[in-house]
């Protein structure tokens, strides 16, 4: 992970009070491989698909059954960010 993305994820670039958004916070968490692995079910690179399936995606992330590719499960911080995005209204 590059440092710029890491700092953006943590909100230390002046965005601490910024509402979580799909484009800024959520979309960068999904790798190209994860997006491809899920195309049979939904498009993780589509705001509408992720928003429409946010609760089920969150459940799978939280129980570590997602991502489905060979990568490690998401860290709890990323899962928490995804939950925050949902709780704040799934901003684009």
Protein backbone atom coordinates (compact mmCIF):
# COMPACT_ATOMS: atom_id res chain seq x y z
CA UNK A 1 0.00 0.00 0.00
CA UNK A 2 1.42 3.38 -0.88
CA UNK A 3 1.69 6.03 1.82
CA UNK A 4 -0.57 8.54 0.09
CA UNK A 5 -3.43 6.01 0.05
CA UNK A 6 -2.68 4.98 3.64
CA UNK A 7 -2.85 8.56 4.90
CA UNK A 8 -6.02 9.17 2.89
CA UNK A 9 -7.55 6.04 4.42
CA UNK A 10 -6.73 7.26 7.90
CA UNK A 11 -8.04 10.72 7.17
CA UNK A 12 -4.84 12.50 8.15
CA UNK A 13 -4.70 14.66 5.02
CA UNK A 14 -7.25 17.13 6.32
CA UNK A 15 -10.18 14.81 5.63
CA UNK A 16 -10.83 13.55 9.17
CA UNK A 17 -14.27 15.17 9.23
CA UNK A 18 -15.02 14.26 5.63
CA UNK A 19 -17.93 11.90 5.14
CA UNK A 20 -16.82 8.51 3.81
CA UNK A 21 -17.45 8.19 0.08
CA UNK A 22 -17.33 5.36 -2.41
CA UNK A 23 -14.96 7.13 -4.81
CA UNK A 24 -12.54 8.42 -2.19
CA UNK A 25 -12.59 5.72 0.51
CA UNK A 26 -14.30 2.50 -0.62
CA UNK A 27 -13.50 1.90 -4.29
CA UNK A 28 -9.69 2.04 -3.71
CA UNK A 29 -9.98 -0.85 -1.23
CA UNK A 30 -11.08 -3.32 -3.90
CA UNK A 31 -8.20 -4.73 -5.97
CA UNK A 32 -8.53 -5.49 -9.68
CA UNK A 33 -8.35 -9.18 -8.85
CA UNK A 34 -11.14 -8.90 -6.28
CA UNK A 35 -13.29 -7.01 -8.77
CA UNK A 36 -12.77 -9.70 -11.38
CA UNK A 37 -13.48 -12.55 -8.94
CA UNK A 38 -16.85 -11.05 -8.07
CA UNK A 39 -18.10 -10.22 -11.59
CA UNK A 40 -20.34 -13.29 -11.59
CA UNK A 41 -22.29 -11.72 -8.73
CA UNK A 42 -21.80 -7.95 -8.78
CA UNK A 43 -19.51 -5.19 -9.99
CA UNK A 44 -17.35 -3.97 -7.11
CA UNK A 45 -16.17 -1.11 -9.30
CA UNK A 46 -19.75 0.11 -9.71
CA UNK A 47 -21.03 2.53 -7.08
CA UNK A 48 -24.63 1.46 -7.75
CA UNK A 49 -23.85 -2.27 -7.34
CA UNK A 50 -21.84 -1.78 -4.17
CA UNK A 51 -24.42 0.61 -2.68
CA UNK A 52 -27.27 -1.77 -3.54
CA UNK A 53 -25.48 -4.71 -1.92
CA UNK A 54 -23.67 -2.83 0.85
CA UNK A 55 -25.14 -4.72 3.80
CA UNK A 56 -24.44 -8.15 2.30
CA UNK A 57 -20.93 -7.09 1.29
CA UNK A 58 -20.34 -5.80 4.81
CA UNK A 59 -21.57 -9.08 6.32
CA UNK A 60 -19.18 -11.07 4.12
CA UNK A 61 -16.28 -8.73 4.85
CA UNK A 62 -16.95 -8.91 8.59
CA UNK A 63 -17.14 -12.72 8.65
CA UNK A 64 -13.98 -12.82 6.49
CA UNK A 65 -15.65 -14.82 3.68
CA UNK A 66 -14.84 -11.93 1.37
CA UNK A 67 -12.70 -11.09 -0.53
CA UNK A 68 -13.01 -14.28 -2.52
CA UNK A 69 -9.67 -14.09 -4.30
CA UNK A 70 -6.44 -15.38 -2.81
CA UNK A 71 -5.68 -12.21 -0.85
CA UNK A 72 -5.92 -11.96 2.89
CA UNK A 73 -9.18 -10.79 4.45
CA UNK A 74 -9.55 -7.06 4.86
CA UNK A 75 -8.10 -5.57 8.05
CA UNK A 76 -10.63 -4.56 10.67
CA UNK A 77 -9.90 -0.88 9.97
CA UNK A 78 -11.03 -1.27 6.35
CA UNK A 79 -14.13 -3.18 7.41
CA UNK A 80 -14.89 -0.41 9.91
CA UNK A 81 -14.50 2.17 7.16
CA UNK A 82 -16.94 0.23 4.97
CA UNK A 83 -19.42 0.15 7.90
CA UNK A 84 -18.94 3.89 8.43
CA UNK A 85 -19.65 4.49 4.74
CA UNK A 86 -22.94 2.58 5.07
CA UNK A 87 -23.90 4.33 8.32
CA UNK A 88 -23.20 7.73 6.77
CA UNK A 89 -25.54 7.04 3.85
CA UNK A 90 -23.34 5.45 1.15
CA UNK A 91 -22.11 8.67 -0.45
CA UNK A 92 -20.90 8.32 -4.05
